[in-house]
Amino acid sequence: MQAVVAKLDPPPAVQVAAHVDPRLHLEVEIEGTPVRFMIDTGASDIVLTPRDAARIGLDVAALSFTQRYQTANGIVWRQPVTLSSLSPGQRRNLG
């Protein structure tokens, strides 16, 4: 799997209610498109699936994925991109 990574300044705090599912999810808007994220408190970067990258308007086929990225699940190749907007969306559990 290939990932698209973006570095952003930390946003203001957002409260997310926990439910039966122990994982916390947050819907954010990237470039005006709702995208569902699983919150990982130990993550250093924001990672998009190729599908979500395409949904926000990136031409995934044109990306080169030249940077190696070590994750808890193994190695993936990434292509850093710059996003013009990312904001909290609905504050609810989407699990």
PDB file of N, CA and C in Angstrom:
ATOM      1  N   MET A   1       0.838  -1.171   0.000  1.00  0.00           N
ATOM      2  CA  MET A   1       0.000   0.000   0.000  1.00  0.00           C
ATOM      3  C   MET A   1       0.879   1.228   0.000  1.00  0.00           C
ATOM      4  N   GLN A   2       0.470   2.242  -0.687  1.00  0.00           N
ATOM      5  CA  GLN A   2       1.174   3.506  -0.696  1.00  0.00           C
ATOM      6  C   GLN A   2       0.353   4.518   0.080  1.00  0.00           C
ATOM      7  N   ALA A   3       1.026   5.439   0.745  1.00  0.00           N
ATOM      8  CA  ALA A   3       0.352   6.433   1.553  1.00  0.00           C
ATOM      9  C   ALA A   3       0.741   7.823   1.085  1.00  0.00           C
ATOM     10  N   VAL A   4      -0.133   8.763   1.297  1.00  0.00           N
ATOM     11  CA  VAL A   4       0.132  10.167   1.027  1.00  0.00           C
ATOM     12  C   VAL A   4       0.230  10.844   2.378  1.00  0.00           C
ATOM     13  N   VAL A   5       1.295  11.599   2.616  1.00  0.00           N
ATOM     14  CA  VAL A   5       1.548  12.179   3.928  1.00  0.00           C
ATOM     15  C   VAL A   5       1.596  13.691   3.812  1.00  0.00           C
ATOM     16  N   ALA A   6       1.034  14.371   4.812  1.00  0.00           N
ATOM     17  CA  ALA A   6       1.089  15.830   4.857  1.00  0.00           C
ATOM     18  C   ALA A   6       1.488  16.279   6.248  1.00  0.00           C
ATOM     19  N   LYS A   7       2.346  17.277   6.340  1.00  0.00           N
ATOM     20  CA  LYS A   7       2.735  17.865   7.622  1.00  0.00           C
ATOM     21  C   LYS A   7       1.956  19.172   7.787  1.00  0.00           C
ATOM     22  N   LEU A   8       1.328  19.335   8.948  1.00  0.00           N
ATOM     23  CA  LEU A   8       0.558  20.535   9.231  1.00  0.00           C
ATOM     24  C   LEU A   8       0.892  21.036  10.621  1.00  0.00           C
ATOM     25  N   ASP A   9       0.658  22.320  10.868  1.00  0.00           N
ATOM     26  CA  ASP A   9       0.785  22.845  12.222  1.00  0.00           C
ATOM     27  C   ASP A   9      -0.308  22.235  13.076  1.00  0.00           C
ATOM     28  N   PRO A  10      -0.044  22.039  14.384  1.00  0.00           N
ATOM     29  CA  PRO A  10      -1.078  21.450  15.253  1.00  0.00           C
ATOM     30  C   PRO A  10      -2.343  22.313  15.275  1.00  0.00           C
ATOM     31  N   PRO A  11      -3.510  21.681  15.144  1.00  0.00           N
ATOM     32  CA  PRO A  11      -4.771  22.421  15.202  1.00  0.00           C
ATOM     33  C   PRO A  11      -5.175  22.663  16.651  1.00  0.00           C
ATOM     34  N   PRO A  12      -6.187  23.498  16.884  1.00  0.00           N
ATOM     35  CA  PRO A  12      -6.699  23.654  18.246  1.00  0.00           C
ATOM     36  C   PRO A  12      -7.315  22.336  18.730  1.00  0.00           C
ATOM     37  N   ALA A  13      -7.436  22.184  20.032  1.00  0.00           N
ATOM     38  CA  ALA A  13      -7.981  20.954  20.620  1.00  0.00           C
ATOM     39  C   ALA A  13      -9.431  20.744  20.197  1.00  0.00           C
ATOM     40  N   VAL A  14      -9.784  19.463  19.976  1.00  0.00           N
ATOM     41  CA  VAL A  14     -11.144  19.069  19.634  1.00  0.00           C
ATOM     42  C   VAL A  14     -11.533  17.919  20.552  1.00  0.00           C
ATOM     43  N   GLN A  15     -12.690  17.996  21.186  1.00  0.00           N
ATOM     44  CA  GLN A  15     -13.169  16.903  22.027  1.00  0.00           C
ATOM     45  C   GLN A  15     -13.902  15.885  21.166  1.00  0.00           C
ATOM     46  N   VAL A  16     -13.597  14.603  21.405  1.00  0.00           N
ATOM     47  CA  VAL A  16     -14.236  13.512  20.677  1.00  0.00           C
ATOM     48  C   VAL A  16     -14.805  12.547  21.694  1.00  0.00           C
ATOM     49  N   ALA A  17     -16.085  12.261  21.597  1.00  0.00           N
ATOM     50  CA  ALA A  17     -16.739  11.356  22.544  1.00  0.00           C
ATOM     51  C   ALA A  17     -16.382   9.911  22.227  1.00  0.00           C
ATOM     52  N   ALA A  18     -16.036   9.147  23.261  1.00  0.00           N
ATOM     53  CA  ALA A  18     -15.760   7.722  23.101  1.00  0.00           C
ATOM     54  C   ALA A  18     -17.066   6.952  23.191  1.00  0.00           C
ATOM     55  N   HIS A  19     -17.162   5.881  22.424  1.00  0.00           N
ATOM     56  CA  HIS A  19     -18.339   5.024  22.423  1.00  0.00           C
ATOM     57  C   HIS A  19     -17.903   3.588  22.673  1.00  0.00           C
ATOM     58  N   VAL A  20     -18.719   2.631  22.310  1.00  0.00           N
ATOM     59  CA  VAL A  20     -18.413   1.222  22.536  1.00  0.00           C
ATOM     60  C   VAL A  20     -17.120   0.818  21.814  1.00  0.00           C
ATOM     61  N   ASP A  21     -16.938   1.270  20.594  1.00  0.00           N
ATOM     62  CA  ASP A  21     -15.717   1.002  19.841  1.00  0.00           C
ATOM     63  C   ASP A  21     -14.575   1.736  20.552  1.00  0.00           C
ATOM     64  N   PRO A  22     -13.523   1.022  20.984  1.00  0.00           N
ATOM     65  CA  PRO A  22     -12.450   1.699  21.726  1.00  0.00           C
ATOM     66  C   PRO A  22     -11.611   2.647  20.873  1.00  0.00           C
ATOM     67  N   ARG A  23     -11.703   2.528  19.547  1.00  0.00           N
ATOM     68  CA  ARG A  23     -10.953   3.438  18.678  1.00  0.00           C
ATOM     69  C   ARG A  23     -11.733   4.737  18.520  1.00  0.00           C
ATOM     70  N   LEU A  24     -11.005   5.832  18.479  1.00  0.00           N
ATOM     71  CA  LEU A  24     -11.636   7.128  18.284  1.00  0.00           C
ATOM     72  C   LEU A  24     -11.518   7.526  16.820  1.00  0.00           C
ATOM     73  N   HIS A  25     -12.632   7.975  16.257  1.00  0.00           N
ATOM     74  CA  HIS A  25     -12.658   8.427  14.875  1.00  0.00           C
ATOM     75  C   HIS A  25     -13.125   9.876  14.845  1.00  0.00           C
ATOM     76  N   LEU A  26     -12.642  10.595  13.869  1.00  0.00           N
ATOM     77  CA  LEU A  26     -13.029  11.984  13.687  1.00  0.00           C
ATOM     78  C   LEU A  26     -13.186  12.240  12.202  1.00  0.00           C
ATOM     79  N   GLU A  27     -14.262  12.887  11.841  1.00  0.00           N
ATOM     80  CA  GLU A  27     -14.427  13.300  10.452  1.00  0.00           C
ATOM     81  C   GLU A  27     -13.848  14.700  10.334  1.00  0.00           C
ATOM     82  N   VAL A  28     -12.925  14.868   9.398  1.00  0.00           N
ATOM     83  CA  VAL A  28     -12.336  16.170   9.129  1.00  0.00           C
ATOM     84  C   VAL A  28     -12.676  16.566   7.705  1.00  0.00           C
ATOM     85  N   GLU A  29     -12.480  17.806   7.404  1.00  0.00           N
ATOM     86  CA  GLU A  29     -12.643  18.263   6.028  1.00  0.00           C
ATOM     87  C   GLU A  29     -11.277  18.646   5.494  1.00  0.00           C
ATOM     88  N   ILE A  30     -10.891  17.988   4.402  1.00  0.00           N
ATOM     89  CA  ILE A  30      -9.643  18.293   3.715  1.00  0.00           C
ATOM     90  C   ILE A  30     -10.021  18.831   2.352  1.00  0.00           C
ATOM     91  N   GLU A  31      -9.579  20.035   2.067  1.00  0.00           N
ATOM     92  CA  GLU A  31      -9.918  20.679   0.794  1.00  0.00           C
ATOM     93  C   GLU A  31     -11.435  20.681   0.591  1.00  0.00           C
ATOM     94  N   GLY A  32     -12.191  20.784   1.705  1.00  0.00           N
ATOM     95  CA  GLY A  32     -13.648  20.832   1.646  1.00  0.00           C
ATOM     96  C   GLY A  32     -14.337  19.481   1.514  1.00  0.00           C
ATOM     97  N   THR A  33     -13.577  18.385   1.534  1.00  0.00           N
ATOM     98  CA  THR A  33     -14.139  17.039   1.386  1.00  0.00           C
ATOM     99  C   THR A  33     -14.089  16.308   2.720  1.00  0.00           C
ATOM    100  N   PRO A  34     -15.216  15.748   3.197  1.00  0.00           N
ATOM    101  CA  PRO A  34     -15.196  14.981   4.444  1.00  0.00           C
ATOM    102  C   PRO A  34     -14.327  13.722   4.307  1.00  0.00           C
ATOM    103  N   VAL A  35     -13.447  13.513   5.279  1.00  0.00           N
ATOM    104  CA  VAL A  35     -12.572  12.345   5.308  1.00  0.00           C
ATOM    105  C   VAL A  35     -12.581  11.797   6.731  1.00  0.00           C
ATOM    106  N   ARG A  36     -12.757  10.497   6.863  1.00  0.00           N
ATOM    107  CA  ARG A  36     -12.813   9.846   8.168  1.00  0.00           C
ATOM    108  C   ARG A  36     -11.405   9.426   8.590  1.00  0.00           C
ATOM    109  N   PHE A  37     -11.016   9.843   9.797  1.00  0.00           N
ATOM    110  CA  PHE A  37      -9.714   9.486  10.355  1.00  0.00           C
ATOM    111  C   PHE A  37      -9.888   8.675  11.614  1.00  0.00           C
ATOM    112  N   MET A  38      -8.997   7.702  11.811  1.00  0.00           N
ATOM    113  CA  MET A  38      -8.875   7.063  13.110  1.00  0.00           C
ATOM    114  C   MET A  38      -7.795   7.860  13.847  1.00  0.00           C
ATOM    115  N   ILE A  39      -8.089   8.276  15.061  1.00  0.00           N
ATOM    116  CA  ILE A  39      -7.143   9.076  15.825  1.00  0.00           C
ATOM    117  C   ILE A  39      -6.069   8.169  16.402  1.00  0.00           C
ATOM    118  N   ASP A  40      -4.814   8.491  16.120  1.00  0.00           N
ATOM    119  CA  ASP A  40      -3.662   7.764  16.646  1.00  0.00           C
ATOM    120  C   ASP A  40      -2.820   8.775  17.408  1.00  0.00           C
ATOM    121  N   THR A  41      -2.874   8.710  18.738  1.00  0.00           N
ATOM    122  CA  THR A  41      -2.193   9.702  19.567  1.00  0.00           C
ATOM    123  C   THR A  41      -0.676   9.631  19.454  1.00  0.00           C
ATOM    124  N   GLY A  42      -0.140   8.553  18.908  1.00  0.00           N
ATOM    125  CA  GLY A  42       1.304   8.430  18.748  1.00  0.00           C
ATOM    126  C   GLY A  42       1.796   8.773  17.353  1.00  0.00           C
ATOM    127  N   ALA A  43       0.900   9.152  16.469  1.00  0.00           N
ATOM    128  CA  ALA A  43       1.282   9.427  15.080  1.00  0.00           C
ATOM    129  C   ALA A  43       1.945  10.801  14.950  1.00  0.00           C
ATOM    130  N   SER A  44       2.906  10.875  14.056  1.00  0.00           N
ATOM    131  CA  SER A  44       3.599  12.138  13.781  1.00  0.00           C
ATOM    132  C   SER A  44       3.065  12.826  12.533  1.00  0.00           C
ATOM    133  N   ASP A  45       2.393  12.065  11.676  1.00  0.00           N
ATOM    134  CA  ASP A  45       1.930  12.591  10.395  1.00  0.00           C
ATOM    135  C   ASP A  45       0.469  12.247  10.166  1.00  0.00           C
ATOM    136  N   ILE A  46      -0.117  12.932   9.219  1.00  0.00           N
ATOM    137  CA  ILE A  46      -1.456  12.613   8.735  1.00  0.00           C
ATOM    138  C   ILE A  46      -1.263  11.753   7.494  1.00  0.00           C
ATOM    139  N   VAL A  47      -1.908  10.604   7.461  1.00  0.00           N
ATOM    140  CA  VAL A  47      -1.743   9.688   6.334  1.00  0.00           C
ATOM    141  C   VAL A  47      -3.095   9.442   5.688  1.00  0.00           C
ATOM    142  N   LEU A  48      -3.130   9.584   4.384  1.00  0.00           N
ATOM    143  CA  LEU A  48      -4.348   9.344   3.607  1.00  0.00           C
ATOM    144  C   LEU A  48      -4.213   8.068   2.802  1.00  0.00           C
ATOM    145  N   THR A  49      -5.306   7.370   2.627  1.00  0.00           N
ATOM    146  CA  THR A  49      -5.308   6.251   1.693  1.00  0.00           C
ATOM    147  C   THR A  49      -5.294   6.829   0.279  1.00  0.00           C
ATOM    148  N   PRO A  50      -4.859   6.053  -0.703  1.00  0.00           N
ATOM    149  CA  PRO A  50      -4.929   6.543  -2.080  1.00  0.00           C
ATOM    150  C   PRO A  50      -6.355   6.949  -2.469  1.00  0.00           C
ATOM    151  N   ARG A  51      -7.343   6.210  -1.977  1.00  0.00           N
ATOM    152  CA  ARG A  51      -8.745   6.548  -2.291  1.00  0.00           C
ATOM    153  C   ARG A  51      -9.107   7.934  -1.755  1.00  0.00           C
ATOM    154  N   ASP A  52      -8.749   8.206  -0.486  1.00  0.00           N
ATOM    155  CA  ASP A  52      -9.053   9.519   0.085  1.00  0.00           C
ATOM    156  C   ASP A  52      -8.243  10.622  -0.588  1.00  0.00           C
ATOM    157  N   ALA A  53      -6.994  10.321  -0.961  1.00  0.00           N
ATOM    158  CA  ALA A  53      -6.184  11.311  -1.676  1.00  0.00           C
ATOM    159  C   ALA A  53      -6.865  11.702  -2.991  1.00  0.00           C
ATOM    160  N   ALA A  54      -7.385  10.717  -3.701  1.00  0.00           N
ATOM    161  CA  ALA A  54      -8.106  11.001  -4.952  1.00  0.00           C
ATOM    162  C   ALA A  54      -9.383  11.789  -4.676  1.00  0.00           C
ATOM    163  N   ARG A  55     -10.083  11.463  -3.578  1.00  0.00           N
ATOM    164  CA  ARG A  55     -11.329  12.157  -3.255  1.00  0.00           C
ATOM    165  C   ARG A  55     -11.100  13.641  -3.002  1.00  0.00           C
ATOM    166  N   ILE A  56      -9.926  14.002  -2.457  1.00  0.00           N
ATOM    167  CA  ILE A  56      -9.675  15.422  -2.181  1.00  0.00           C
ATOM    168  C   ILE A  56      -9.051  16.143  -3.371  1.00  0.00           C
ATOM    169  N   GLY A  57      -8.911  15.418  -4.487  1.00  0.00           N
ATOM    170  CA  GLY A  57      -8.476  16.067  -5.719  1.00  0.00           C
ATOM    171  C   GLY A  57      -7.029  15.835  -6.118  1.00  0.00           C
ATOM    172  N   LEU A  58      -6.292  14.983  -5.396  1.00  0.00           N
ATOM    173  CA  LEU A  58      -4.919  14.695  -5.800  1.00  0.00           C
ATOM    174  C   LEU A  58      -4.915  13.672  -6.931  1.00  0.00           C
ATOM    175  N   ASP A  59      -4.020  13.856  -7.876  1.00  0.00           N
ATOM    176  CA  ASP A  59      -3.856  12.899  -8.969  1.00  0.00           C
ATOM    177  C   ASP A  59      -2.883  11.829  -8.487  1.00  0.00           C
ATOM    178  N   VAL A  60      -3.412  10.776  -7.881  1.00  0.00           N
ATOM    179  CA  VAL A  60      -2.591   9.743  -7.254  1.00  0.00           C
ATOM    180  C   VAL A  60      -1.669   9.078  -8.272  1.00  0.00           C
ATOM    181  N   ALA A  61      -2.120   8.889  -9.491  1.00  0.00           N
ATOM    182  CA  ALA A  61      -1.301   8.248 -10.521  1.00  0.00           C
ATOM    183  C   ALA A  61      -0.062   9.085 -10.861  1.00  0.00           C
ATOM    184  N   ALA A  62      -0.116  10.387 -10.628  1.00  0.00           N
ATOM    185  CA  ALA A  62       1.009  11.261 -10.953  1.00  0.00           C
ATOM    186  C   ALA A  62       2.013  11.381  -9.799  1.00  0.00           C
ATOM    187  N   LEU A  63       1.701  10.821  -8.631  1.00  0.00           N
ATOM    188  CA  LEU A  63       2.609  10.904  -7.488  1.00  0.00           C
ATOM    189  C   LEU A  63       3.703   9.848  -7.615  1.00  0.00           C
ATOM    190  N   SER A  64       4.896  10.142  -7.076  1.00  0.00           N
ATOM    191  CA  SER A  64       6.032   9.237  -7.280  1.00  0.00           C
ATOM    192  C   SER A  64       6.304   8.271  -6.130  1.00  0.00           C
ATOM    193  N   PHE A  65       5.812   8.524  -4.926  1.00  0.00           N
ATOM    194  CA  PHE A  65       5.976   7.627  -3.768  1.00  0.00           C
ATOM    195  C   PHE A  65       7.430   7.179  -3.617  1.00  0.00           C
ATOM    196  N   THR A  66       8.328   8.127  -3.421  1.00  0.00           N
ATOM    197  CA  THR A  66       9.757   7.837  -3.356  1.00  0.00           C
ATOM    198  C   THR A  66      10.312   7.780  -1.937  1.00  0.00           C
ATOM    199  N   GLN A  67       9.529   8.147  -0.947  1.00  0.00           N
ATOM    200  CA  GLN A  67      10.034   8.162   0.424  1.00  0.00           C
ATOM    201  C   GLN A  67       9.528   6.963   1.215  1.00  0.00           C
ATOM    202  N   ARG A  68      10.439   6.286   1.866  1.00  0.00           N
ATOM    203  CA  ARG A  68      10.113   5.101   2.672  1.00  0.00           C
ATOM    204  C   ARG A  68       9.543   5.552   4.007  1.00  0.00           C
ATOM    205  N   TYR A  69       8.534   4.829   4.476  1.00  0.00           N
ATOM    206  CA  TYR A  69       7.830   5.184   5.700  1.00  0.00           C
ATOM    207  C   TYR A  69       7.642   3.920   6.528  1.00  0.00           C
ATOM    208  N   GLN A  70       8.171   3.898   7.745  1.00  0.00           N
ATOM    209  CA  GLN A  70       8.048   2.739   8.629  1.00  0.00           C
ATOM    210  C   GLN A  70       6.817   2.914   9.508  1.00  0.00           C
ATOM    211  N   THR A  71       5.905   1.958   9.473  1.00  0.00           N
ATOM    212  CA  THR A  71       4.710   1.987  10.309  1.00  0.00           C
ATOM    213  C   THR A  71       4.715   0.781  11.241  1.00  0.00           C
ATOM    214  N   ALA A  72       3.789   0.747  12.161  1.00  0.00           N
ATOM    215  CA  ALA A  72       3.659  -0.402  13.052  1.00  0.00           C
ATOM    216  C   ALA A  72       3.327  -1.669  12.266  1.00  0.00           C
ATOM    217  N   ASN A  73       2.719  -1.518  11.096  1.00  0.00           N
ATOM    218  CA  ASN A  73       2.340  -2.669  10.270  1.00  0.00           C
ATOM    219  C   ASN A  73       3.342  -2.979   9.168  1.00  0.00           C
ATOM    220  N   GLY A  74       4.459  -2.286   9.134  1.00  0.00           N
ATOM    221  CA  GLY A  74       5.456  -2.552   8.110  1.00  0.00           C
ATOM    222  C   GLY A  74       5.845  -1.294   7.347  1.00  0.00           C
ATOM    223  N   ILE A  75       6.467  -1.499   6.212  1.00  0.00           N
ATOM    224  CA  ILE A  75       6.980  -0.398   5.398  1.00  0.00           C
ATOM    225  C   ILE A  75       5.988  -0.061   4.289  1.00  0.00           C
ATOM    226  N   VAL A  76       5.761   1.226   4.098  1.00  0.00           N
ATOM    227  CA  VAL A  76       4.986   1.720   2.961  1.00  0.00           C
ATOM    228  C   VAL A  76       5.801   2.830   2.310  1.00  0.00           C
ATOM    229  N   TRP A  77       5.433   3.179   1.112  1.00  0.00           N
ATOM    230  CA  TRP A  77       6.099   4.271   0.405  1.00  0.00           C
ATOM    231  C   TRP A  77       5.171   5.469   0.392  1.00  0.00           C
ATOM    232  N   ARG A  78       5.728   6.641   0.597  1.00  0.00           N
ATOM    233  CA  ARG A  78       4.902   7.835   0.733  1.00  0.00           C
ATOM    234  C   ARG A  78       5.301   8.923  -0.251  1.00  0.00           C
ATOM    235  N   GLN A  79       4.366   9.839  -0.429  1.00  0.00           N
ATOM    236  CA  GLN A  79       4.585  11.036  -1.225  1.00  0.00           C
ATOM    237  C   GLN A  79       4.074  12.214  -0.418  1.00  0.00           C
ATOM    238  N   PRO A  80       4.963  12.990   0.200  1.00  0.00           N
ATOM    239  CA  PRO A  80       4.487  14.165   0.944  1.00  0.00           C
ATOM    240  C   PRO A  80       3.788  15.156   0.006  1.00  0.00           C
ATOM    241  N   VAL A  81       2.724  15.752   0.487  1.00  0.00           N
ATOM    242  CA  VAL A  81       1.995  16.776  -0.251  1.00  0.00           C
ATOM    243  C   VAL A  81       1.682  17.918   0.699  1.00  0.00           C
ATOM    244  N   THR A  82       1.342  19.059   0.154  1.00  0.00           N
ATOM    245  CA  THR A  82       0.924  20.207   0.948  1.00  0.00           C
ATOM    246  C   THR A  82      -0.570  20.397   0.745  1.00  0.00           C
ATOM    247  N   LEU A  83      -1.300  20.442   1.858  1.00  0.00           N
ATOM    248  CA  LEU A  83      -2.746  20.662   1.804  1.00  0.00           C
ATOM    249  C   LEU A  83      -3.031  22.133   2.066  1.00  0.00           C
ATOM    250  N   SER A  84      -4.027  22.670   1.396  1.00  0.00           N
ATOM    251  CA  SER A  84      -4.375  24.072   1.639  1.00  0.00           C
ATOM    252  C   SER A  84      -5.384  24.212   2.766  1.00  0.00           C
ATOM    253  N   SER A  85      -6.116  23.131   3.101  1.00  0.00           N
ATOM    254  CA  SER A  85      -7.064  23.239   4.211  1.00  0.00           C
ATOM    255  C   SER A  85      -7.327  21.887   4.858  1.00  0.00           C
ATOM    256  N   LEU A  86      -7.419  21.906   6.174  1.00  0.00           N
ATOM    257  CA  LEU A  86      -7.813  20.745   6.964  1.00  0.00           C
ATOM    258  C   LEU A  86      -8.488  21.300   8.204  1.00  0.00           C
ATOM    259  N   SER A  87      -9.729  20.893   8.435  1.00  0.00           N
ATOM    260  CA  SER A  87     -10.450  21.400   9.600  1.00  0.00           C
ATOM    261  C   SER A  87     -11.327  20.313  10.194  1.00  0.00           C
ATOM    262  N   PRO A  88     -11.589  20.394  11.511  1.00  0.00           N
ATOM    263  CA  PRO A  88     -12.478  19.403  12.130  1.00  0.00           C
ATOM    264  C   PRO A  88     -13.850  19.449  11.480  1.00  0.00           C
ATOM    265  N   GLY A  89     -14.420  18.278  11.262  1.00  0.00           N
ATOM    266  CA  GLY A  89     -15.773  18.190  10.719  1.00  0.00           C
ATOM    267  C   GLY A  89     -16.730  17.839  11.830  1.00  0.00           C
ATOM    268  N   GLN A  90     -17.564  16.843  11.599  1.00  0.00           N
ATOM    269  CA  GLN A  90     -18.530  16.395  12.596  1.00  0.00           C
ATOM    270  C   GLN A  90     -17.806  15.810  13.798  1.00  0.00           C
ATOM    271  N   ARG A  91     -18.195  16.213  14.987  1.00  0.00           N
ATOM    272  CA  ARG A  91     -17.587  15.685  16.204  1.00  0.00           C
ATOM    273  C   ARG A  91     -18.450  14.546  16.716  1.00  0.00           C
ATOM    274  N   ARG A  92     -18.217  13.341  16.149  1.00  0.00           N
ATOM    275  CA  ARG A  92     -18.999  12.173  16.519  1.00  0.00           C
ATOM    276  C   ARG A  92     -18.189  10.928  16.245  1.00  0.00           C
ATOM    277  N   ASN A  93     -18.569   9.837  16.857  1.00  0.00           N
ATOM    278  CA  ASN A  93     -17.901   8.569  16.618  1.00  0.00           C
ATOM    279  C   ASN A  93     -18.462   8.002  15.322  1.00  0.00           C
ATOM    280  N   LEU A  94     -17.578   7.733  14.369  1.00  0.00           N
ATOM    281  CA  LEU A  94     -18.018   7.240  13.064  1.00  0.00           C
ATOM    282  C   LEU A  94     -17.789   5.755  12.905  1.00  0.00           C
ATOM    283  N   GLY A  95     -17.418   5.059  13.998  1.00  0.00           N
ATOM    284  CA  GLY A  95     -17.107   3.638  13.922  1.00  0.00           C
ATOM    285  C   GLY A  95     -18.315   2.837  13.671  1.00  0.00           C
TER     286      GLY A  95
END
